[in-house]
Amino acid sequence: MESKEEYITLRRSEYEFLVNTVKELQQEAINLRGRVKELEGMLSKTSNNSHQPPSSDGYQKGIKNSREKSDKKQGAQFGHEGKTLKTVILTKD
């Protein structure tokens, strides 16, 4: 069983135009991929991992503290036996 193929007839100038257009688009795609890679690299840099000043970081959401607040007050709790160093008095000999 033979398969029939359909052909499109083009003039040589039309064919060359299409081939040149494809080559130009391929080159443009290569250039754009390089530019995207460069811009992604710039986005990932901050003052922490580059020599940029902190003012160039822009506005960023702060780091959220994952600790949960307790009802206890800061410092030693009630009933804690304090331990302090003994007072030393220096005298001139």
PDB file of N, CA and C in Angstrom:
ATOM      1  N   MET A   1       0.844  -1.172   0.000  1.00  0.00           N
ATOM      2  CA  MET A   1       0.000   0.000   0.000  1.00  0.00           C
ATOM      3  C   MET A   1       0.892   1.238   0.000  1.00  0.00           C
ATOM      4  N   GLU A   2       0.697   2.082  -0.923  1.00  0.00           N
ATOM      5  CA  GLU A   2       1.505   3.289  -1.083  1.00  0.00           C
ATOM      6  C   GLU A   2       0.862   4.458  -0.344  1.00  0.00           C
ATOM      7  N   SER A   3       1.713   5.276   0.285  1.00  0.00           N
ATOM      8  CA  SER A   3       1.186   6.460   0.959  1.00  0.00           C
ATOM      9  C   SER A   3       1.371   7.658   0.043  1.00  0.00           C
ATOM     10  N   LYS A   4       0.385   8.481   0.021  1.00  0.00           N
ATOM     11  CA  LYS A   4       0.447   9.680  -0.810  1.00  0.00           C
ATOM     12  C   LYS A   4       0.899  10.847   0.051  1.00  0.00           C
ATOM     13  N   GLU A   5       1.858  11.576  -0.448  1.00  0.00           N
ATOM     14  CA  GLU A   5       2.344  12.760   0.243  1.00  0.00           C
ATOM     15  C   GLU A   5       1.881  13.999  -0.500  1.00  0.00           C
ATOM     16  N   GLU A   6       1.575  15.009   0.259  1.00  0.00           N
ATOM     17  CA  GLU A   6       1.165  16.263  -0.356  1.00  0.00           C
ATOM     18  C   GLU A   6       2.328  17.235  -0.286  1.00  0.00           C
ATOM     19  N   TYR A   7       2.551  17.951  -1.325  1.00  0.00           N
ATOM     20  CA  TYR A   7       3.632  18.917  -1.400  1.00  0.00           C
ATOM     21  C   TYR A   7       3.059  20.302  -1.603  1.00  0.00           C
ATOM     22  N   ILE A   8       3.749  21.272  -1.024  1.00  0.00           N
ATOM     23  CA  ILE A   8       3.389  22.668  -1.238  1.00  0.00           C
ATOM     24  C   ILE A   8       4.431  23.247  -2.179  1.00  0.00           C
ATOM     25  N   THR A   9       3.984  23.924  -3.160  1.00  0.00           N
ATOM     26  CA  THR A   9       4.891  24.507  -4.126  1.00  0.00           C
ATOM     27  C   THR A   9       5.200  25.941  -3.709  1.00  0.00           C
ATOM     28  N   LEU A  10       6.506  26.232  -3.603  1.00  0.00           N
ATOM     29  CA  LEU A  10       6.959  27.573  -3.253  1.00  0.00           C
ATOM     30  C   LEU A  10       7.997  28.034  -4.258  1.00  0.00           C
ATOM     31  N   ARG A  11       8.035  29.325  -4.432  1.00  0.00           N
ATOM     32  CA  ARG A  11       9.108  29.876  -5.241  1.00  0.00           C
ATOM     33  C   ARG A  11      10.386  29.841  -4.428  1.00  0.00           C
ATOM     34  N   ARG A  12      11.515  29.836  -5.096  1.00  0.00           N
ATOM     35  CA  ARG A  12      12.800  29.792  -4.407  1.00  0.00           C
ATOM     36  C   ARG A  12      12.948  30.982  -3.460  1.00  0.00           C
ATOM     37  N   SER A  13      12.498  32.154  -3.867  1.00  0.00           N
ATOM     38  CA  SER A  13      12.625  33.342  -3.016  1.00  0.00           C
ATOM     39  C   SER A  13      11.779  33.193  -1.748  1.00  0.00           C
ATOM     40  N   GLU A  14      10.606  32.614  -1.864  1.00  0.00           N
ATOM     41  CA  GLU A  14       9.759  32.390  -0.687  1.00  0.00           C
ATOM     42  C   GLU A  14      10.406  31.376   0.254  1.00  0.00           C
ATOM     43  N   TYR A  15      10.965  30.308  -0.320  1.00  0.00           N
ATOM     44  CA  TYR A  15      11.627  29.278   0.462  1.00  0.00           C
ATOM     45  C   TYR A  15      12.831  29.869   1.215  1.00  0.00           C
ATOM     46  N   GLU A  16      13.650  30.656   0.541  1.00  0.00           N
ATOM     47  CA  GLU A  16      14.818  31.261   1.165  1.00  0.00           C
ATOM     48  C   GLU A  16      14.409  32.241   2.262  1.00  0.00           C
ATOM     49  N   PHE A  17      13.309  32.973   2.017  1.00  0.00           N
ATOM     50  CA  PHE A  17      12.803  33.895   3.034  1.00  0.00           C
ATOM     51  C   PHE A  17      12.397  33.122   4.293  1.00  0.00           C
ATOM     52  N   LEU A  18      11.696  32.007   4.122  1.00  0.00           N
ATOM     53  CA  LEU A  18      11.265  31.210   5.276  1.00  0.00           C
ATOM     54  C   LEU A  18      12.460  30.608   6.017  1.00  0.00           C
ATOM     55  N   VAL A  19      13.445  30.122   5.305  1.00  0.00           N
ATOM     56  CA  VAL A  19      14.634  29.550   5.937  1.00  0.00           C
ATOM     57  C   VAL A  19      15.374  30.630   6.720  1.00  0.00           C
ATOM     58  N   ASN A  20      15.537  31.814   6.147  1.00  0.00           N
ATOM     59  CA  ASN A  20      16.217  32.913   6.837  1.00  0.00           C
ATOM     60  C   ASN A  20      15.443  33.356   8.081  1.00  0.00           C
ATOM     61  N   THR A  21      14.120  33.377   7.968  1.00  0.00           N
ATOM     62  CA  THR A  21      13.285  33.761   9.108  1.00  0.00           C
ATOM     63  C   THR A  21      13.450  32.766  10.250  1.00  0.00           C
ATOM     64  N   VAL A  22      13.466  31.483   9.940  1.00  0.00           N
ATOM     65  CA  VAL A  22      13.647  30.453  10.969  1.00  0.00           C
ATOM     66  C   VAL A  22      15.015  30.608  11.629  1.00  0.00           C
ATOM     67  N   LYS A  23      16.063  30.843  10.846  1.00  0.00           N
ATOM     68  CA  LYS A  23      17.400  31.028  11.418  1.00  0.00           C
ATOM     69  C   LYS A  23      17.454  32.244  12.334  1.00  0.00           C
ATOM     70  N   GLU A  24      16.822  33.349  11.918  1.00  0.00           N
ATOM     71  CA  GLU A  24      16.793  34.554  12.744  1.00  0.00           C
ATOM     72  C   GLU A  24      16.051  34.299  14.055  1.00  0.00           C
ATOM     73  N   LEU A  25      14.934  33.576  13.977  1.00  0.00           N
ATOM     74  CA  LEU A  25      14.167  33.283  15.187  1.00  0.00           C
ATOM     75  C   LEU A  25      14.934  32.358  16.128  1.00  0.00           C
ATOM     76  N   GLN A  26      15.672  31.410  15.581  1.00  0.00           N
ATOM     77  CA  GLN A  26      16.495  30.543  16.415  1.00  0.00           C
ATOM     78  C   GLN A  26      17.570  31.355  17.134  1.00  0.00           C
ATOM     79  N   GLN A  27      18.210  32.269  16.438  1.00  0.00           N
ATOM     80  CA  GLN A  27      19.246  33.105  17.053  1.00  0.00           C
ATOM     81  C   GLN A  27      18.645  34.010  18.124  1.00  0.00           C
ATOM     82  N   GLU A  28      17.466  34.551  17.844  1.00  0.00           N
ATOM     83  CA  GLU A  28      16.779  35.405  18.819  1.00  0.00           C
ATOM     84  C   GLU A  28      16.428  34.613  20.075  1.00  0.00           C
ATOM     85  N   ALA A  29      15.993  33.370  19.909  1.00  0.00           N
ATOM     86  CA  ALA A  29      15.669  32.517  21.058  1.00  0.00           C
ATOM     87  C   ALA A  29      16.917  32.265  21.897  1.00  0.00           C
ATOM     88  N   ILE A  30      18.049  32.028  21.266  1.00  0.00           N
ATOM     89  CA  ILE A  30      19.305  31.815  21.989  1.00  0.00           C
ATOM     90  C   ILE A  30      19.676  33.066  22.781  1.00  0.00           C
ATOM     91  N   ASN A  31      19.554  34.238  22.153  1.00  0.00           N
ATOM     92  CA  ASN A  31      19.857  35.506  22.823  1.00  0.00           C
ATOM     93  C   ASN A  31      18.932  35.747  24.012  1.00  0.00           C
ATOM     94  N   LEU A  32      17.649  35.456  23.837  1.00  0.00           N
ATOM     95  CA  LEU A  32      16.679  35.682  24.912  1.00  0.00           C
ATOM     96  C   LEU A  32      16.901  34.722  26.079  1.00  0.00           C
ATOM     97  N   ARG A  33      17.270  33.483  25.795  1.00  0.00           N
ATOM     98  CA  ARG A  33      17.574  32.540  26.871  1.00  0.00           C
ATOM     99  C   ARG A  33      18.751  33.044  27.711  1.00  0.00           C
ATOM    100  N   GLY A  34      19.765  33.579  27.030  1.00  0.00           N
ATOM    101  CA  GLY A  34      20.914  34.131  27.754  1.00  0.00           C
ATOM    102  C   GLY A  34      20.524  35.312  28.612  1.00  0.00           C
ATOM    103  N   ARG A  35      19.665  36.172  28.088  1.00  0.00           N
ATOM    104  CA  ARG A  35      19.221  37.353  28.838  1.00  0.00           C
ATOM    105  C   ARG A  35      18.391  36.947  30.058  1.00  0.00           C
ATOM    106  N   VAL A  36      17.522  35.955  29.887  1.00  0.00           N
ATOM    107  CA  VAL A  36      16.708  35.475  31.007  1.00  0.00           C
ATOM    108  C   VAL A  36      17.608  34.913  32.105  1.00  0.00           C
ATOM    109  N   LYS A  37      18.619  34.146  31.722  1.00  0.00           N
ATOM    110  CA  LYS A  37      19.548  33.578  32.703  1.00  0.00           C
ATOM    111  C   LYS A  37      20.270  34.689  33.462  1.00  0.00           C
ATOM    112  N   GLU A  38      20.687  35.728  32.743  1.00  0.00           N
ATOM    113  CA  GLU A  38      21.375  36.864  33.358  1.00  0.00           C
ATOM    114  C   GLU A  38      20.459  37.583  34.352  1.00  0.00           C
ATOM    115  N   LEU A  39      19.203  37.814  33.965  1.00  0.00           N
ATOM    116  CA  LEU A  39      18.261  38.517  34.841  1.00  0.00           C
ATOM    117  C   LEU A  39      17.894  37.678  36.062  1.00  0.00           C
ATOM    118  N   GLU A  40      17.753  36.370  35.892  1.00  0.00           N
ATOM    119  CA  GLU A  40      17.471  35.510  37.037  1.00  0.00           C
ATOM    120  C   GLU A  40      18.637  35.536  38.017  1.00  0.00           C
ATOM    121  N   GLY A  41      19.851  35.598  37.497  1.00  0.00           N
ATOM    122  CA  GLY A  41      21.018  35.703  38.367  1.00  0.00           C
ATOM    123  C   GLY A  41      21.022  36.996  39.152  1.00  0.00           C
ATOM    124  N   MET A  42      20.600  38.082  38.515  1.00  0.00           N
ATOM    125  CA  MET A  42      20.545  39.377  39.203  1.00  0.00           C
ATOM    126  C   MET A  42      19.483  39.362  40.298  1.00  0.00           C
ATOM    127  N   LEU A  43      18.358  38.708  40.040  1.00  0.00           N
ATOM    128  CA  LEU A  43      17.287  38.661  41.030  1.00  0.00           C
ATOM    129  C   LEU A  43      17.688  37.877  42.267  1.00  0.00           C
ATOM    130  N   SER A  44      18.513  36.874  42.086  1.00  0.00           N
ATOM    131  CA  SER A  44      18.869  36.024  43.209  1.00  0.00           C
ATOM    132  C   SER A  44      19.956  36.640  44.093  1.00  0.00           C
ATOM    133  N   LYS A  45      20.544  37.749  43.685  1.00  0.00           N
ATOM    134  CA  LYS A  45      21.607  38.374  44.484  1.00  0.00           C
ATOM    135  C   LYS A  45      21.023  39.380  45.462  1.00  0.00           C
ATOM    136  N   THR A  46      21.526  39.319  46.694  1.00  0.00           N
ATOM    137  CA  THR A  46      21.159  40.294  47.714  1.00  0.00           C
ATOM    138  C   THR A  46      22.446  40.789  48.360  1.00  0.00           C
ATOM    139  N   SER A  47      22.321  41.672  49.314  1.00  0.00           N
ATOM    140  CA  SER A  47      23.519  42.176  49.983  1.00  0.00           C
ATOM    141  C   SER A  47      24.176  41.088  50.827  1.00  0.00           C
ATOM    142  N   ASN A  48      23.446  40.018  51.122  1.00  0.00           N
ATOM    143  CA  ASN A  48      24.018  38.928  51.911  1.00  0.00           C
ATOM    144  C   ASN A  48      24.956  38.050  51.091  1.00  0.00           C
ATOM    145  N   ASN A  49      24.703  37.910  49.786  1.00  0.00           N
ATOM    146  CA  ASN A  49      25.526  37.005  48.988  1.00  0.00           C
ATOM    147  C   ASN A  49      26.253  37.708  47.838  1.00  0.00           C
ATOM    148  N   SER A  50      26.416  39.014  47.931  1.00  0.00           N
ATOM    149  CA  SER A  50      27.159  39.752  46.913  1.00  0.00           C
ATOM    150  C   SER A  50      27.753  41.002  47.554  1.00  0.00           C
ATOM    151  N   HIS A  51      28.411  41.801  46.755  1.00  0.00           N
ATOM    152  CA  HIS A  51      29.031  43.017  47.278  1.00  0.00           C
ATOM    153  C   HIS A  51      28.113  44.228  47.148  1.00  0.00           C
ATOM    154  N   GLN A  52      26.820  43.990  47.039  1.00  0.00           N
ATOM    155  CA  GLN A  52      25.872  45.088  46.923  1.00  0.00           C
ATOM    156  C   GLN A  52      25.584  45.680  48.303  1.00  0.00           C
ATOM    157  N   PRO A  53      25.303  46.991  48.362  1.00  0.00           N
ATOM    158  CA  PRO A  53      24.919  47.577  49.644  1.00  0.00           C
ATOM    159  C   PRO A  53      23.506  47.147  50.025  1.00  0.00           C
ATOM    160  N   PRO A  54      23.183  47.135  51.315  1.00  0.00           N
ATOM    161  CA  PRO A  54      21.849  46.717  51.747  1.00  0.00           C
ATOM    162  C   PRO A  54      20.722  47.560  51.153  1.00  0.00           C
ATOM    163  N   SER A  55      21.006  48.802  50.814  1.00  0.00           N
ATOM    164  CA  SER A  55      19.959  49.657  50.253  1.00  0.00           C
ATOM    165  C   SER A  55      19.510  49.183  48.876  1.00  0.00           C
ATOM    166  N   SER A  56      20.318  48.354  48.212  1.00  0.00           N
ATOM    167  CA  SER A  56      19.942  47.872  46.878  1.00  0.00           C
ATOM    168  C   SER A  56      19.039  46.646  46.946  1.00  0.00           C
ATOM    169  N   ASP A  57      18.772  46.127  48.156  1.00  0.00           N
ATOM    170  CA  ASP A  57      17.938  44.936  48.288  1.00  0.00           C
ATOM    171  C   ASP A  57      16.480  45.221  47.962  1.00  0.00           C
ATOM    172  N   GLY A  58      16.048  46.438  48.112  1.00  0.00           N
ATOM    173  CA  GLY A  58      14.647  46.750  47.872  1.00  0.00           C
ATOM    174  C   GLY A  58      13.811  46.363  49.073  1.00  0.00           C
ATOM    175  N   TYR A  59      12.503  46.351  48.880  1.00  0.00           N
ATOM    176  CA  TYR A  59      11.603  46.006  49.969  1.00  0.00           C
ATOM    177  C   TYR A  59      11.367  44.506  49.954  1.00  0.00           C
ATOM    178  N   GLN A  60      11.683  43.882  51.077  1.00  0.00           N
ATOM    179  CA  GLN A  60      11.465  42.451  51.190  1.00  0.00           C
ATOM    180  C   GLN A  60      10.684  42.177  52.452  1.00  0.00           C
ATOM    181  N   LYS A  61       9.930  41.124  52.422  1.00  0.00           N
ATOM    182  CA  LYS A  61       9.179  40.727  53.593  1.00  0.00           C
ATOM    183  C   LYS A  61      10.157  40.216  54.644  1.00  0.00           C
ATOM    184  N   GLY A  62       9.996  40.639  55.878  1.00  0.00           N
ATOM    185  CA  GLY A  62      10.887  40.232  56.944  1.00  0.00           C
ATOM    186  C   GLY A  62      10.763  38.750  57.272  1.00  0.00           C
ATOM    187  N   ILE A  63      11.748  38.241  57.975  1.00  0.00           N
ATOM    188  CA  ILE A  63      11.738  36.846  58.379  1.00  0.00           C
ATOM    189  C   ILE A  63      10.791  36.694  59.557  1.00  0.00           C
ATOM    190  N   LYS A  64       9.890  35.759  59.466  1.00  0.00           N
ATOM    191  CA  LYS A  64       8.926  35.545  60.532  1.00  0.00           C
ATOM    192  C   LYS A  64       9.552  34.646  61.596  1.00  0.00           C
ATOM    193  N   ASN A  65       9.411  35.059  62.846  1.00  0.00           N
ATOM    194  CA  ASN A  65       9.926  34.274  63.953  1.00  0.00           C
ATOM    195  C   ASN A  65       8.981  33.107  64.194  1.00  0.00           C
ATOM    196  N   SER A  66       9.509  31.895  64.232  1.00  0.00           N
ATOM    197  CA  SER A  66       8.659  30.720  64.373  1.00  0.00           C
ATOM    198  C   SER A  66       8.386  30.357  65.833  1.00  0.00           C
ATOM    199  N   ARG A  67       8.998  31.094  66.769  1.00  0.00           N
ATOM    200  CA  ARG A  67       8.763  30.801  68.180  1.00  0.00           C
ATOM    201  C   ARG A  67       7.392  31.286  68.605  1.00  0.00           C
ATOM    202  N   GLU A  68       6.766  30.507  69.468  1.00  0.00           N
ATOM    203  CA  GLU A  68       5.468  30.904  70.001  1.00  0.00           C
ATOM    204  C   GLU A  68       5.679  31.631  71.323  1.00  0.00           C
ATOM    205  N   LYS A  69       4.935  32.691  71.545  1.00  0.00           N
ATOM    206  CA  LYS A  69       5.074  33.483  72.754  1.00  0.00           C
ATOM    207  C   LYS A  69       4.432  32.740  73.925  1.00  0.00           C
ATOM    208  N   SER A  70       5.130  32.734  75.070  1.00  0.00           N
ATOM    209  CA  SER A  70       4.583  32.077  76.263  1.00  0.00           C
ATOM    210  C   SER A  70       4.051  33.141  77.216  1.00  0.00           C
ATOM    211  N   ASP A  71       3.387  32.681  78.282  1.00  0.00           N
ATOM    212  CA  ASP A  71       2.832  33.601  79.270  1.00  0.00           C
ATOM    213  C   ASP A  71       3.865  34.024  80.306  1.00  0.00           C
ATOM    214  N   LYS A  72       5.046  33.418  80.297  1.00  0.00           N
ATOM    215  CA  LYS A  72       6.085  33.725  81.286  1.00  0.00           C
ATOM    216  C   LYS A  72       6.729  35.075  80.966  1.00  0.00           C
ATOM    217  N   LYS A  73       7.143  35.739  82.049  1.00  0.00           N
ATOM    218  CA  LYS A  73       7.870  36.993  81.885  1.00  0.00           C
ATOM    219  C   LYS A  73       9.326  36.684  81.570  1.00  0.00           C
ATOM    220  N   GLN A  74      10.030  37.673  81.040  1.00  0.00           N
ATOM    221  CA  GLN A  74      11.440  37.496  80.743  1.00  0.00           C
ATOM    222  C   GLN A  74      12.249  37.440  82.030  1.00  0.00           C
ATOM    223  N   GLY A  75      13.382  36.771  81.973  1.00  0.00           N
ATOM    224  CA  GLY A  75      14.287  36.712  83.117  1.00  0.00           C
ATOM    225  C   GLY A  75      13.999  35.507  83.988  1.00  0.00           C
ATOM    226  N   ALA A  76      14.592  35.531  85.207  1.00  0.00           N
ATOM    227  CA  ALA A  76      14.441  34.412  86.143  1.00  0.00           C
ATOM    228  C   ALA A  76      12.994  34.330  86.604  1.00  0.00           C
ATOM    229  N   GLN A  77      12.511  33.124  86.769  1.00  0.00           N
ATOM    230  CA  GLN A  77      11.130  32.919  87.177  1.00  0.00           C
ATOM    231  C   GLN A  77      11.013  32.933  88.711  1.00  0.00           C
ATOM    232  N   PHE A  78       9.810  33.139  89.196  1.00  0.00           N
ATOM    233  CA  PHE A  78       9.549  33.225  90.632  1.00  0.00           C
ATOM    234  C   PHE A  78       9.981  31.925  91.308  1.00  0.00           C
ATOM    235  N   GLY A  79      10.704  32.061  92.434  1.00  0.00           N
ATOM    236  CA  GLY A  79      11.162  30.897  93.177  1.00  0.00           C
ATOM    237  C   GLY A  79      12.542  30.430  92.775  1.00  0.00           C
ATOM    238  N   HIS A  80      13.133  31.053  91.814  1.00  0.00           N
ATOM    239  CA  HIS A  80      14.463  30.649  91.363  1.00  0.00           C
ATOM    240  C   HIS A  80      15.506  31.134  92.361  1.00  0.00           C
ATOM    241  N   GLU A  81      16.418  30.207  92.799  1.00  0.00           N
ATOM    242  CA  GLU A  81      17.483  30.605  93.710  1.00  0.00           C
ATOM    243  C   GLU A  81      18.573  31.289  92.914  1.00  0.00           C
ATOM    244  N   GLY A  82      18.832  32.526  93.210  1.00  0.00           N
ATOM    245  CA  GLY A  82      19.847  33.265  92.485  1.00  0.00           C
ATOM    246  C   GLY A  82      21.249  32.883  92.924  1.00  0.00           C
ATOM    247  N   LYS A  83      22.164  32.908  92.038  1.00  0.00           N
ATOM    248  CA  LYS A  83      23.559  32.638  92.349  1.00  0.00           C
ATOM    249  C   LYS A  83      24.366  33.816  91.836  1.00  0.00           C
ATOM    250  N   THR A  84      25.124  34.420  92.730  1.00  0.00           N
ATOM    251  CA  THR A  84      25.936  35.558  92.331  1.00  0.00           C
ATOM    252  C   THR A  84      27.372  35.337  92.777  1.00  0.00           C
ATOM    253  N   LEU A  85      28.272  36.042  92.165  1.00  0.00           N
ATOM    254  CA  LEU A  85      29.660  35.984  92.560  1.00  0.00           C
ATOM    255  C   LEU A  85      29.864  36.774  93.839  1.00  0.00           C
ATOM    256  N   LYS A  86      30.810  36.353  94.650  1.00  0.00           N
ATOM    257  CA  LYS A  86      31.108  37.068  95.879  1.00  0.00           C
ATOM    258  C   LYS A  86      31.835  38.368  95.550  1.00  0.00           C
ATOM    259  N   THR A  87      31.596  39.378  96.360  1.00  0.00           N
ATOM    260  CA  THR A  87      32.230  40.671  96.175  1.00  0.00           C
ATOM    261  C   THR A  87      33.694  40.576  96.611  1.00  0.00           C
ATOM    262  N   VAL A  88      34.552  41.078  95.782  1.00  0.00           N
ATOM    263  CA  VAL A  88      35.987  41.068  96.098  1.00  0.00           C
ATOM    264  C   VAL A  88      36.429  42.509  96.271  1.00  0.00           C
ATOM    265  N   ILE A  89      37.073  42.792  97.389  1.00  0.00           N
ATOM    266  CA  ILE A  89      37.544  44.147  97.645  1.00  0.00           C
ATOM    267  C   ILE A  89      39.059  44.121  97.445  1.00  0.00           C
ATOM    268  N   LEU A  90      39.529  44.958  96.563  1.00  0.00           N
ATOM    269  CA  LEU A  90      40.950  45.052  96.293  1.00  0.00           C
ATOM    270  C   LEU A  90      41.574  46.086  97.220  1.00  0.00           C
ATOM    271  N   THR A  91      42.681  45.738  97.821  1.00  0.00           N
ATOM    272  CA  THR A  91      43.375  46.679  98.691  1.00  0.00           C
ATOM    273  C   THR A  91      44.784  46.890  98.163  1.00  0.00           C
ATOM    274  N   LYS A  92      45.332  48.037  98.487  1.00  0.00           N
ATOM    275  CA  LYS A  92      46.703  48.331  98.074  1.00  0.00           C
ATOM    276  C   LYS A  92      47.651  47.736  99.089  1.00  0.00           C
ATOM    277  N   ASP A  93      48.648  47.064  98.657  1.00  0.00           N
ATOM    278  CA  ASP A  93      49.634  46.481  99.560  1.00  0.00           C
ATOM    279  C   ASP A  93      50.779  47.406  99.794  1.00  0.00           C
TER     280      ASP A  93
END
